[in-house]
Amino acid sequence: MKTIPAKLIITIMALASFSIMLLAAETVKRISDFNGPGEWTAYQWNKAQGKIESAPEFPQELKGKGDKENSLGVKISWPGGEGMRFFSIVQAKPEALSFKPAKAGLWVKGSGSNRYVELHFLANGQEKDANGKPYKIGLGQMNYTDWRKVEAAIPPDWPQPLTIKTLTFHDWNLPQAVEDTIYVTRLELKAE
């Protein structure tokens, strides 16, 4: 009976381990860090007043990693009690994604005002599916005042390619008027 050399066994095991790690690794693509001047603008049909500007706020967990340590400050005046209001920001130059995303992630510093954040898409150029349902994912209620990474799955059955349409903040008809400042950075998508 022939024996297999130990070096060959170790090499095969190392290659197998490396292959498994590659298969298990998720490819994360940063879409925006919100640092480029004019990269994002206020949506022209917003139903709440607001403005956006670069801000020095940045998550402690991300500091010292060689990236710009700024965020985008989103200041919104919610009127309260006047029906659902929203404030959206759009990319100045939106492009269709060259990959199929499975999950979206965004770092958000909420203001504790209980407003919500969503990411809206165009799916193969369309805003809504055949039933009139918009292509959007909810990233949660901003009932916190610290930095948090919020994530949500992107439905795998959406038509491709996807294009990010807006990052939207809304109040779902909350009754109280609020002057709100929210900070966002690191919009990332995980490829399928």
N, C-alpha and C. Protein backbone atom coordinates (compact mmCIF):
# COMPACT_ATOMS: atom_id res chain seq x y z
N MET A 1 0.85 -1.17 0.00
CA MET A 1 0.00 0.00 0.00
C MET A 1 0.90 1.24 0.00
N LYS A 2 0.58 2.19 -0.89
CA LYS A 2 1.36 3.43 -0.97
C LYS A 2 0.87 4.43 0.07
N THR A 3 1.78 5.18 0.62
CA THR A 3 1.41 6.23 1.56
C THR A 3 1.49 7.58 0.86
N ILE A 4 0.63 8.44 1.24
CA ILE A 4 0.61 9.78 0.67
C ILE A 4 1.56 10.65 1.49
N PRO A 5 2.45 11.38 0.81
CA PRO A 5 3.39 12.22 1.54
C PRO A 5 2.67 13.26 2.41
N ALA A 6 3.20 13.53 3.57
CA ALA A 6 2.61 14.48 4.52
C ALA A 6 2.47 15.87 3.91
N LYS A 7 3.46 16.30 3.12
CA LYS A 7 3.39 17.63 2.49
C LYS A 7 2.18 17.74 1.57
N LEU A 8 1.90 16.69 0.83
CA LEU A 8 0.77 16.69 -0.08
C LEU A 8 -0.54 16.77 0.70
N ILE A 9 -0.65 16.04 1.78
CA ILE A 9 -1.85 16.07 2.62
C ILE A 9 -2.05 17.47 3.20
N ILE A 10 -1.00 18.07 3.70
CA ILE A 10 -1.10 19.42 4.27
C ILE A 10 -1.50 20.42 3.19
N THR A 11 -0.93 20.31 2.01
CA THR A 11 -1.28 21.22 0.90
C THR A 11 -2.74 21.07 0.52
N ILE A 12 -3.22 19.86 0.41
CA ILE A 12 -4.63 19.62 0.05
C ILE A 12 -5.55 20.19 1.12
N MET A 13 -5.21 19.97 2.38
CA MET A 13 -6.04 20.49 3.48
C MET A 13 -6.06 22.02 3.48
N ALA A 14 -4.91 22.64 3.23
CA ALA A 14 -4.85 24.11 3.19
C ALA A 14 -5.69 24.65 2.05
N LEU A 15 -5.59 24.04 0.88
CA LEU A 15 -6.40 24.49 -0.27
C LEU A 15 -7.90 24.31 0.01
N ALA A 16 -8.28 23.22 0.62
CA ALA A 16 -9.69 22.98 0.94
C ALA A 16 -10.19 24.01 1.94
N SER A 17 -9.39 24.32 2.95
CA SER A 17 -9.79 25.33 3.94
C SER A 17 -9.94 26.69 3.30
N PHE A 18 -9.00 27.05 2.43
CA PHE A 18 -9.05 28.34 1.75
C PHE A 18 -10.29 28.42 0.86
N SER A 19 -10.62 27.35 0.14
CA SER A 19 -11.79 27.33 -0.73
C SER A 19 -13.07 27.51 0.08
N ILE A 20 -13.15 26.87 1.23
CA ILE A 20 -14.33 27.01 2.10
C ILE A 20 -14.44 28.44 2.60
N MET A 21 -13.32 29.05 2.97
CA MET A 21 -13.35 30.44 3.44
C MET A 21 -13.82 31.37 2.32
N LEU A 22 -13.39 31.16 1.09
CA LEU A 22 -13.83 32.00 -0.02
C LEU A 22 -15.32 31.87 -0.26
N LEU A 23 -15.83 30.64 -0.17
CA LEU A 23 -17.26 30.43 -0.37
C LEU A 23 -18.09 31.08 0.73
N ALA A 24 -17.58 31.05 1.96
CA ALA A 24 -18.33 31.58 3.10
C ALA A 24 -18.25 33.10 3.20
N ALA A 25 -17.21 33.69 2.64
CA ALA A 25 -17.02 35.14 2.76
C ALA A 25 -18.08 35.90 1.97
N GLU A 26 -18.60 36.94 2.57
CA GLU A 26 -19.54 37.80 1.87
C GLU A 26 -18.75 38.95 1.25
N THR A 27 -19.09 39.28 0.03
CA THR A 27 -18.44 40.40 -0.62
C THR A 27 -19.23 41.66 -0.28
N VAL A 28 -18.59 42.59 0.42
CA VAL A 28 -19.24 43.84 0.80
C VAL A 28 -18.73 44.94 -0.11
N LYS A 29 -19.66 45.68 -0.69
CA LYS A 29 -19.30 46.78 -1.58
C LYS A 29 -19.81 48.08 -0.97
N ARG A 30 -18.89 49.00 -0.74
CA ARG A 30 -19.28 50.31 -0.20
C ARG A 30 -19.85 51.13 -1.35
N ILE A 31 -21.06 51.58 -1.17
CA ILE A 31 -21.73 52.38 -2.18
C ILE A 31 -21.43 53.86 -1.95
N SER A 32 -21.42 54.27 -0.68
CA SER A 32 -21.17 55.68 -0.37
C SER A 32 -20.70 55.82 1.06
N ASP A 33 -19.78 56.76 1.28
CA ASP A 33 -19.45 57.15 2.64
C ASP A 33 -19.99 58.55 2.92
N PHE A 34 -20.71 59.10 1.96
CA PHE A 34 -21.39 60.40 2.09
C PHE A 34 -20.41 61.56 2.28
N ASN A 35 -19.17 61.40 1.83
CA ASN A 35 -18.16 62.44 2.01
C ASN A 35 -17.93 63.31 0.79
N GLY A 36 -18.33 62.85 -0.37
CA GLY A 36 -18.06 63.61 -1.58
C GLY A 36 -18.98 64.81 -1.72
N PRO A 37 -18.41 66.01 -1.95
CA PRO A 37 -19.25 67.19 -2.13
C PRO A 37 -20.21 66.99 -3.31
N GLY A 38 -21.46 67.19 -3.07
CA GLY A 38 -22.47 67.06 -4.12
C GLY A 38 -22.82 65.63 -4.50
N GLU A 39 -22.28 64.65 -3.77
CA GLU A 39 -22.55 63.25 -4.06
C GLU A 39 -24.04 62.91 -3.84
N TRP A 40 -24.62 63.53 -2.82
CA TRP A 40 -26.04 63.35 -2.50
C TRP A 40 -26.71 64.72 -2.45
N THR A 41 -27.97 64.78 -2.85
CA THR A 41 -28.73 66.03 -2.80
C THR A 41 -30.13 65.75 -2.24
N ALA A 42 -30.78 66.80 -1.82
CA ALA A 42 -32.16 66.66 -1.33
C ALA A 42 -33.08 66.36 -2.52
N TYR A 43 -34.00 65.44 -2.32
CA TYR A 43 -34.99 65.07 -3.34
C TYR A 43 -35.91 66.26 -3.59
N GLN A 44 -36.25 66.50 -4.83
CA GLN A 44 -37.02 67.70 -5.17
C GLN A 44 -38.47 67.68 -4.70
N TRP A 45 -39.03 66.52 -4.40
CA TRP A 45 -40.45 66.46 -4.02
C TRP A 45 -40.64 66.13 -2.54
N ASN A 46 -39.69 66.46 -1.69
CA ASN A 46 -39.82 66.18 -0.25
C ASN A 46 -41.06 66.82 0.34
N LYS A 47 -41.67 66.15 1.32
CA LYS A 47 -42.87 66.65 2.00
C LYS A 47 -42.56 67.20 3.38
N ALA A 48 -41.29 67.23 3.74
CA ALA A 48 -40.83 67.89 4.97
C ALA A 48 -39.65 68.77 4.56
N GLN A 49 -39.47 69.87 5.25
CA GLN A 49 -38.35 70.77 4.97
C GLN A 49 -37.08 70.20 5.58
N GLY A 50 -35.95 70.40 4.90
CA GLY A 50 -34.70 69.93 5.45
C GLY A 50 -33.52 70.35 4.61
N LYS A 51 -32.33 70.00 5.10
CA LYS A 51 -31.11 70.27 4.35
C LYS A 51 -30.07 69.23 4.75
N ILE A 52 -29.05 69.09 3.91
CA ILE A 52 -27.98 68.14 4.19
C ILE A 52 -26.65 68.87 4.13
N GLU A 53 -25.70 68.40 4.97
CA GLU A 53 -24.37 68.99 4.96
C GLU A 53 -23.38 68.01 5.59
N SER A 54 -22.12 68.13 5.17
CA SER A 54 -21.07 67.30 5.74
C SER A 54 -20.95 67.62 7.23
N ALA A 55 -20.67 66.58 8.03
CA ALA A 55 -20.58 66.76 9.48
C ALA A 55 -19.39 65.96 10.02
N PRO A 56 -18.80 66.41 11.14
CA PRO A 56 -17.67 65.70 11.73
C PRO A 56 -18.06 64.47 12.54
N GLU A 57 -19.34 64.21 12.71
CA GLU A 57 -19.80 63.04 13.47
C GLU A 57 -19.36 61.77 12.77
N PHE A 58 -18.91 60.76 13.54
CA PHE A 58 -18.46 59.52 12.93
C PHE A 58 -18.48 58.41 13.99
N PRO A 59 -18.87 57.19 13.60
CA PRO A 59 -18.93 56.10 14.58
C PRO A 59 -17.55 55.77 15.17
N GLN A 60 -17.49 55.67 16.47
CA GLN A 60 -16.24 55.34 17.16
C GLN A 60 -15.66 54.01 16.66
N GLU A 61 -16.54 53.06 16.36
CA GLU A 61 -16.11 51.74 15.92
C GLU A 61 -15.33 51.77 14.60
N LEU A 62 -15.52 52.84 13.82
CA LEU A 62 -14.89 52.93 12.50
C LEU A 62 -13.68 53.85 12.47
N LYS A 63 -13.43 54.55 13.57
CA LYS A 63 -12.32 55.52 13.59
C LYS A 63 -10.96 54.83 13.51
N GLY A 64 -10.01 55.54 12.88
CA GLY A 64 -8.64 55.06 12.80
C GLY A 64 -8.40 53.96 11.78
N LYS A 65 -9.31 53.82 10.81
CA LYS A 65 -9.14 52.78 9.80
C LYS A 65 -8.73 53.34 8.45
N GLY A 66 -8.27 54.61 8.44
CA GLY A 66 -7.74 55.19 7.22
C GLY A 66 -8.75 55.86 6.32
N ASP A 67 -10.02 55.84 6.67
CA ASP A 67 -11.04 56.48 5.85
C ASP A 67 -11.31 57.89 6.34
N LYS A 68 -11.98 58.67 5.50
CA LYS A 68 -12.44 59.98 5.96
C LYS A 68 -13.40 59.76 7.12
N GLU A 69 -13.25 60.55 8.15
CA GLU A 69 -14.09 60.36 9.34
C GLU A 69 -15.13 61.46 9.43
N ASN A 70 -16.00 61.49 8.43
CA ASN A 70 -17.12 62.43 8.37
C ASN A 70 -18.39 61.65 8.09
N SER A 71 -19.48 62.33 8.23
CA SER A 71 -20.78 61.76 7.89
C SER A 71 -21.59 62.83 7.17
N LEU A 72 -22.79 62.47 6.81
CA LEU A 72 -23.72 63.43 6.23
C LEU A 72 -24.76 63.77 7.29
N GLY A 73 -24.86 65.04 7.64
CA GLY A 73 -25.89 65.48 8.58
C GLY A 73 -27.16 65.79 7.81
N VAL A 74 -28.26 65.20 8.24
CA VAL A 74 -29.56 65.41 7.60
C VAL A 74 -30.44 66.12 8.62
N LYS A 75 -30.72 67.40 8.37
CA LYS A 75 -31.54 68.20 9.29
C LYS A 75 -32.93 68.32 8.70
N ILE A 76 -33.92 67.88 9.47
CA ILE A 76 -35.30 67.82 8.99
C ILE A 76 -36.23 68.53 9.97
N SER A 77 -37.13 69.33 9.44
CA SER A 77 -38.19 69.97 10.25
C SER A 77 -39.48 69.20 10.02
N TRP A 78 -39.85 68.37 11.01
CA TRP A 78 -41.10 67.60 10.91
C TRP A 78 -42.24 68.45 11.45
N PRO A 79 -43.28 68.73 10.64
CA PRO A 79 -44.37 69.58 11.11
C PRO A 79 -45.27 68.91 12.15
N GLY A 80 -45.42 67.61 12.08
CA GLY A 80 -46.26 66.88 13.05
C GLY A 80 -47.74 67.08 12.80
N GLY A 81 -48.49 65.98 12.83
CA GLY A 81 -49.95 66.02 12.73
C GLY A 81 -50.51 66.45 11.39
N GLU A 82 -49.71 66.45 10.34
CA GLU A 82 -50.18 66.90 9.03
C GLU A 82 -50.16 65.77 7.99
N GLY A 83 -50.32 64.55 8.43
CA GLY A 83 -50.22 63.42 7.52
C GLY A 83 -48.78 62.96 7.42
N MET A 84 -48.56 61.86 6.70
CA MET A 84 -47.21 61.33 6.59
C MET A 84 -46.32 62.30 5.80
N ARG A 85 -45.16 62.58 6.36
CA ARG A 85 -44.16 63.44 5.72
C ARG A 85 -42.89 62.64 5.51
N PHE A 86 -42.14 62.99 4.49
CA PHE A 86 -40.85 62.33 4.26
C PHE A 86 -39.82 63.35 3.79
N PHE A 87 -38.58 62.98 4.01
CA PHE A 87 -37.44 63.75 3.48
C PHE A 87 -36.49 62.73 2.90
N SER A 88 -36.19 62.85 1.62
CA SER A 88 -35.33 61.89 0.93
C SER A 88 -34.10 62.58 0.38
N ILE A 89 -33.02 61.80 0.29
CA ILE A 89 -31.84 62.27 -0.40
C ILE A 89 -31.56 61.31 -1.56
N VAL A 90 -31.00 61.86 -2.63
CA VAL A 90 -30.74 61.08 -3.84
C VAL A 90 -29.28 61.23 -4.23
N GLN A 91 -28.74 60.21 -4.88
CA GLN A 91 -27.39 60.31 -5.42
C GLN A 91 -27.42 61.25 -6.62
N ALA A 92 -26.39 62.07 -6.74
CA ALA A 92 -26.30 62.99 -7.87
C ALA A 92 -26.17 62.23 -9.19
N LYS A 93 -25.46 61.10 -9.16
CA LYS A 93 -25.26 60.30 -10.36
C LYS A 93 -25.56 58.83 -10.06
N PRO A 94 -26.85 58.48 -9.98
CA PRO A 94 -27.19 57.08 -9.68
C PRO A 94 -26.80 56.17 -10.84
N GLU A 95 -26.32 54.99 -10.49
CA GLU A 95 -25.94 54.00 -11.49
C GLU A 95 -26.52 52.64 -11.11
N ALA A 96 -26.87 51.86 -12.12
CA ALA A 96 -27.33 50.51 -11.86
C ALA A 96 -26.19 49.70 -11.25
N LEU A 97 -26.52 48.86 -10.28
CA LEU A 97 -25.51 48.03 -9.63
C LEU A 97 -25.05 46.94 -10.58
N SER A 98 -23.78 46.62 -10.54
CA SER A 98 -23.21 45.61 -11.42
C SER A 98 -23.22 44.22 -10.78
N PHE A 99 -23.89 44.09 -9.65
CA PHE A 99 -23.96 42.82 -8.93
C PHE A 99 -25.33 42.71 -8.29
N LYS A 100 -25.69 41.51 -7.86
CA LYS A 100 -26.98 41.28 -7.20
C LYS A 100 -26.78 41.39 -5.70
N PRO A 101 -27.34 42.44 -5.06
CA PRO A 101 -27.17 42.59 -3.62
C PRO A 101 -28.14 41.71 -2.83
N ALA A 102 -27.65 41.22 -1.69
CA ALA A 102 -28.48 40.40 -0.81
C ALA A 102 -28.88 41.13 0.46
N LYS A 103 -28.06 42.13 0.85
CA LYS A 103 -28.32 42.84 2.11
C LYS A 103 -27.76 44.25 2.01
N ALA A 104 -28.45 45.20 2.66
CA ALA A 104 -27.97 46.59 2.73
C ALA A 104 -27.62 46.91 4.17
N GLY A 105 -26.58 47.71 4.35
CA GLY A 105 -26.17 48.16 5.67
C GLY A 105 -25.86 49.64 5.64
N LEU A 106 -26.16 50.33 6.72
CA LEU A 106 -25.94 51.77 6.82
C LEU A 106 -25.66 52.11 8.28
N TRP A 107 -24.67 52.97 8.52
CA TRP A 107 -24.43 53.48 9.87
C TRP A 107 -25.28 54.73 10.05
N VAL A 108 -26.07 54.76 11.13
CA VAL A 108 -26.99 55.86 11.41
C VAL A 108 -26.82 56.31 12.86
N LYS A 109 -26.73 57.60 13.06
CA LYS A 109 -26.81 58.16 14.41
C LYS A 109 -28.18 58.83 14.49
N GLY A 110 -29.09 58.19 15.21
CA GLY A 110 -30.45 58.71 15.33
C GLY A 110 -30.52 59.86 16.30
N SER A 111 -31.69 60.48 16.34
CA SER A 111 -31.91 61.60 17.25
C SER A 111 -32.90 61.25 18.36
N GLY A 112 -33.38 60.01 18.35
CA GLY A 112 -34.36 59.60 19.36
C GLY A 112 -35.77 60.08 19.09
N SER A 113 -36.01 60.59 17.88
CA SER A 113 -37.33 61.17 17.59
C SER A 113 -38.34 60.16 17.06
N ASN A 114 -37.93 58.89 16.95
CA ASN A 114 -38.82 57.81 16.51
C ASN A 114 -39.23 57.86 15.05
N ARG A 115 -38.52 58.62 14.23
CA ARG A 115 -38.79 58.60 12.80
C ARG A 115 -38.15 57.34 12.20
N TYR A 116 -38.42 57.08 10.94
CA TYR A 116 -38.00 55.85 10.28
C TYR A 116 -37.06 56.14 9.13
N VAL A 117 -36.27 55.11 8.75
CA VAL A 117 -35.38 55.24 7.60
C VAL A 117 -35.59 54.04 6.67
N GLU A 118 -35.59 54.33 5.37
CA GLU A 118 -35.80 53.32 4.34
C GLU A 118 -34.83 53.56 3.19
N LEU A 119 -34.56 52.50 2.44
CA LEU A 119 -33.77 52.58 1.24
C LEU A 119 -34.67 52.17 0.08
N HIS A 120 -34.83 53.07 -0.89
CA HIS A 120 -35.70 52.82 -2.04
C HIS A 120 -34.85 52.51 -3.27
N PHE A 121 -35.33 51.59 -4.09
CA PHE A 121 -34.60 51.15 -5.28
C PHE A 121 -35.46 51.28 -6.53
N LEU A 122 -34.78 51.28 -7.66
CA LEU A 122 -35.40 51.00 -8.95
C LEU A 122 -34.98 49.58 -9.27
N ALA A 123 -35.91 48.74 -9.68
CA ALA A 123 -35.60 47.36 -10.05
C ALA A 123 -35.82 47.25 -11.55
N ASN A 124 -34.73 47.05 -12.27
CA ASN A 124 -34.76 47.02 -13.73
C ASN A 124 -35.46 48.27 -14.28
N GLY A 125 -35.18 49.42 -13.63
CA GLY A 125 -35.72 50.70 -14.06
C GLY A 125 -37.11 51.03 -13.55
N GLN A 126 -37.74 50.14 -12.80
CA GLN A 126 -39.11 50.35 -12.32
C GLN A 126 -39.13 50.67 -10.83
N GLU A 127 -40.02 51.62 -10.43
CA GLU A 127 -40.16 51.99 -9.02
C GLU A 127 -41.01 50.98 -8.24
N LYS A 128 -41.97 50.34 -8.93
CA LYS A 128 -42.92 49.45 -8.26
C LYS A 128 -43.07 48.16 -9.03
N ASP A 129 -43.50 47.11 -8.32
CA ASP A 129 -43.75 45.84 -8.98
C ASP A 129 -45.12 45.85 -9.66
N ALA A 130 -45.52 44.74 -10.25
CA ALA A 130 -46.79 44.66 -10.99
C ALA A 130 -47.99 44.92 -10.09
N ASN A 131 -47.87 44.73 -8.77
CA ASN A 131 -48.96 44.97 -7.83
C ASN A 131 -48.93 46.37 -7.24
N GLY A 132 -48.02 47.22 -7.72
CA GLY A 132 -47.93 48.59 -7.23
C GLY A 132 -47.13 48.75 -5.95
N LYS A 133 -46.44 47.70 -5.53
CA LYS A 133 -45.64 47.75 -4.30
C LYS A 133 -44.25 48.30 -4.63
N PRO A 134 -43.82 49.37 -3.92
CA PRO A 134 -42.49 49.94 -4.21
C PRO A 134 -41.36 48.99 -3.80
N TYR A 135 -40.26 49.10 -4.53
CA TYR A 135 -39.06 48.34 -4.20
C TYR A 135 -38.31 49.12 -3.12
N LYS A 136 -38.57 48.78 -1.86
CA LYS A 136 -37.94 49.48 -0.74
C LYS A 136 -37.73 48.50 0.40
N ILE A 137 -36.72 48.83 1.23
CA ILE A 137 -36.49 48.04 2.44
C ILE A 137 -36.44 48.99 3.63
N GLY A 138 -37.06 48.59 4.72
CA GLY A 138 -37.04 49.38 5.94
C GLY A 138 -35.77 49.09 6.74
N LEU A 139 -35.15 50.15 7.23
CA LEU A 139 -33.96 50.01 8.07
C LEU A 139 -34.26 50.36 9.52
N GLY A 140 -35.53 50.48 9.85
CA GLY A 140 -35.92 50.61 11.24
C GLY A 140 -36.30 52.00 11.70
N GLN A 141 -36.76 52.03 12.94
CA GLN A 141 -37.16 53.26 13.62
C GLN A 141 -35.96 53.82 14.36
N MET A 142 -35.72 55.11 14.20
CA MET A 142 -34.57 55.76 14.82
C MET A 142 -34.92 56.27 16.21
N ASN A 143 -35.16 55.34 17.12
CA ASN A 143 -35.52 55.69 18.49
C ASN A 143 -34.29 55.64 19.40
N TYR A 144 -33.12 55.88 18.84
CA TYR A 144 -31.86 55.84 19.56
C TYR A 144 -31.07 57.12 19.26
N THR A 145 -30.05 57.39 20.07
CA THR A 145 -29.26 58.61 19.88
C THR A 145 -27.78 58.32 19.68
N ASP A 146 -27.42 57.06 19.61
CA ASP A 146 -26.03 56.68 19.37
C ASP A 146 -25.89 56.18 17.93
N TRP A 147 -24.66 55.85 17.54
CA TRP A 147 -24.42 55.27 16.22
C TRP A 147 -24.80 53.80 16.24
N ARG A 148 -25.48 53.36 15.17
CA ARG A 148 -25.82 51.95 15.02
C ARG A 148 -25.70 51.57 13.55
N LYS A 149 -25.25 50.36 13.32
CA LYS A 149 -25.27 49.84 11.96
C LYS A 149 -26.60 49.13 11.79
N VAL A 150 -27.40 49.63 10.87
CA VAL A 150 -28.70 49.03 10.59
C VAL A 150 -28.60 48.26 9.28
N GLU A 151 -29.23 47.10 9.25
CA GLU A 151 -29.14 46.24 8.08
C GLU A 151 -30.50 45.64 7.77
N ALA A 152 -30.69 45.30 6.50
CA ALA A 152 -31.91 44.62 6.08
C ALA A 152 -31.62 43.82 4.82
N ALA A 153 -32.31 42.69 4.72
CA ALA A 153 -32.18 41.84 3.53
C ALA A 153 -32.89 42.48 2.34
N ILE A 154 -32.34 42.25 1.17
CA ILE A 154 -32.95 42.70 -0.07
C ILE A 154 -33.60 41.46 -0.70
N PRO A 155 -34.89 41.51 -1.00
CA PRO A 155 -35.56 40.32 -1.54
C PRO A 155 -34.84 39.79 -2.79
N PRO A 156 -34.56 38.49 -2.83
CA PRO A 156 -33.82 37.92 -3.95
C PRO A 156 -34.61 37.86 -5.26
N ASP A 157 -35.93 38.01 -5.17
CA ASP A 157 -36.74 37.91 -6.39
C ASP A 157 -36.96 39.25 -7.11
N TRP A 158 -36.36 40.33 -6.61
CA TRP A 158 -36.50 41.60 -7.30
C TRP A 158 -35.78 41.54 -8.64
N PRO A 159 -36.42 42.14 -9.69
CA PRO A 159 -35.76 42.17 -11.00
C PRO A 159 -34.45 42.95 -10.94
N GLN A 160 -33.49 42.48 -11.69
CA GLN A 160 -32.16 43.11 -11.73
C GLN A 160 -32.00 43.85 -13.06
N PRO A 161 -31.14 44.82 -13.15
CA PRO A 161 -30.28 45.33 -12.10
C PRO A 161 -31.03 46.30 -11.18
N LEU A 162 -30.50 46.47 -9.96
CA LEU A 162 -31.05 47.44 -9.02
C LEU A 162 -30.25 48.73 -9.09
N THR A 163 -30.95 49.82 -8.83
CA THR A 163 -30.35 51.14 -8.72
C THR A 163 -30.89 51.76 -7.44
N ILE A 164 -30.02 52.34 -6.62
CA ILE A 164 -30.50 53.02 -5.42
C ILE A 164 -31.20 54.30 -5.86
N LYS A 165 -32.47 54.43 -5.46
CA LYS A 165 -33.25 55.61 -5.82
C LYS A 165 -33.12 56.69 -4.76
N THR A 166 -33.45 56.36 -3.50
CA THR A 166 -33.38 57.35 -2.43
C THR A 166 -33.05 56.68 -1.10
N LEU A 167 -32.50 57.48 -0.20
CA LEU A 167 -32.45 57.16 1.22
C LEU A 167 -33.50 58.08 1.83
N THR A 168 -34.52 57.48 2.43
CA THR A 168 -35.71 58.23 2.84
C THR A 168 -35.94 58.14 4.34
N PHE A 169 -36.27 59.27 4.93
CA PHE A 169 -36.64 59.38 6.34
C PHE A 169 -38.10 59.79 6.37
N HIS A 170 -38.92 59.17 7.21
CA HIS A 170 -40.33 59.56 7.27
C HIS A 170 -40.89 59.45 8.68
N ASP A 171 -42.04 60.09 8.88
CA ASP A 171 -42.59 60.18 10.23
C ASP A 171 -43.87 59.37 10.45
N TRP A 172 -44.41 58.72 9.41
CA TRP A 172 -45.63 57.93 9.54
C TRP A 172 -46.70 58.65 10.35
N ASN A 173 -46.84 59.94 10.11
CA ASN A 173 -47.91 60.75 10.72
C ASN A 173 -47.79 60.87 12.23
N LEU A 174 -46.57 60.90 12.75
CA LEU A 174 -46.41 61.13 14.19
C LEU A 174 -46.90 62.54 14.52
N PRO A 175 -47.60 62.72 15.63
CA PRO A 175 -48.27 63.99 15.91
C PRO A 175 -47.36 65.15 16.32
N GLN A 176 -46.20 64.86 16.94
CA GLN A 176 -45.40 65.95 17.48
C GLN A 176 -44.47 66.55 16.42
N ALA A 177 -44.38 67.87 16.41
CA ALA A 177 -43.43 68.57 15.54
C ALA A 177 -42.03 68.45 16.15
N VAL A 178 -41.03 68.22 15.30
CA VAL A 178 -39.67 68.01 15.79
C VAL A 178 -38.67 68.61 14.80
N GLU A 179 -37.64 69.23 15.34
CA GLU A 179 -36.46 69.60 14.55
C GLU A 179 -35.47 68.47 14.76
N ASP A 180 -35.13 67.76 13.72
CA ASP A 180 -34.39 66.52 13.80
C ASP A 180 -33.05 66.65 13.09
N THR A 181 -31.98 66.08 13.67
CA THR A 181 -30.71 65.94 12.97
C THR A 181 -30.27 64.49 13.08
N ILE A 182 -30.08 63.88 11.93
CA ILE A 182 -29.70 62.48 11.81
C ILE A 182 -28.38 62.46 11.04
N TYR A 183 -27.49 61.55 11.39
CA TYR A 183 -26.21 61.43 10.69
C TYR A 183 -26.13 60.05 10.05
N VAL A 184 -25.60 60.01 8.83
CA VAL A 184 -25.45 58.73 8.13
C VAL A 184 -24.05 58.63 7.52
N THR A 185 -23.55 57.41 7.47
CA THR A 185 -22.28 57.13 6.79
C THR A 185 -22.26 55.66 6.40
N ARG A 186 -21.36 55.32 5.54
CA ARG A 186 -21.08 53.94 5.13
C ARG A 186 -22.31 53.16 4.66
N LEU A 187 -22.84 53.53 3.52
CA LEU A 187 -23.87 52.73 2.88
C LEU A 187 -23.17 51.59 2.14
N GLU A 188 -23.45 50.36 2.55
CA GLU A 188 -22.81 49.20 1.96
C GLU A 188 -23.84 48.18 1.54
N LEU A 189 -23.51 47.44 0.49
CA LEU A 189 -24.35 46.34 0.03
C LEU A 189 -23.52 45.07 0.02
N LYS A 190 -24.11 43.99 0.50
CA LYS A 190 -23.45 42.68 0.45
C LYS A 190 -23.93 41.96 -0.78
N ALA A 191 -23.00 41.52 -1.59
CA ALA A 191 -23.33 40.82 -2.83
C ALA A 191 -23.78 39.40 -2.52
N GLU A 192 -24.69 38.92 -3.34
CA GLU A 192 -25.20 37.55 -3.18
C GLU A 192 -24.15 36.55 -3.60
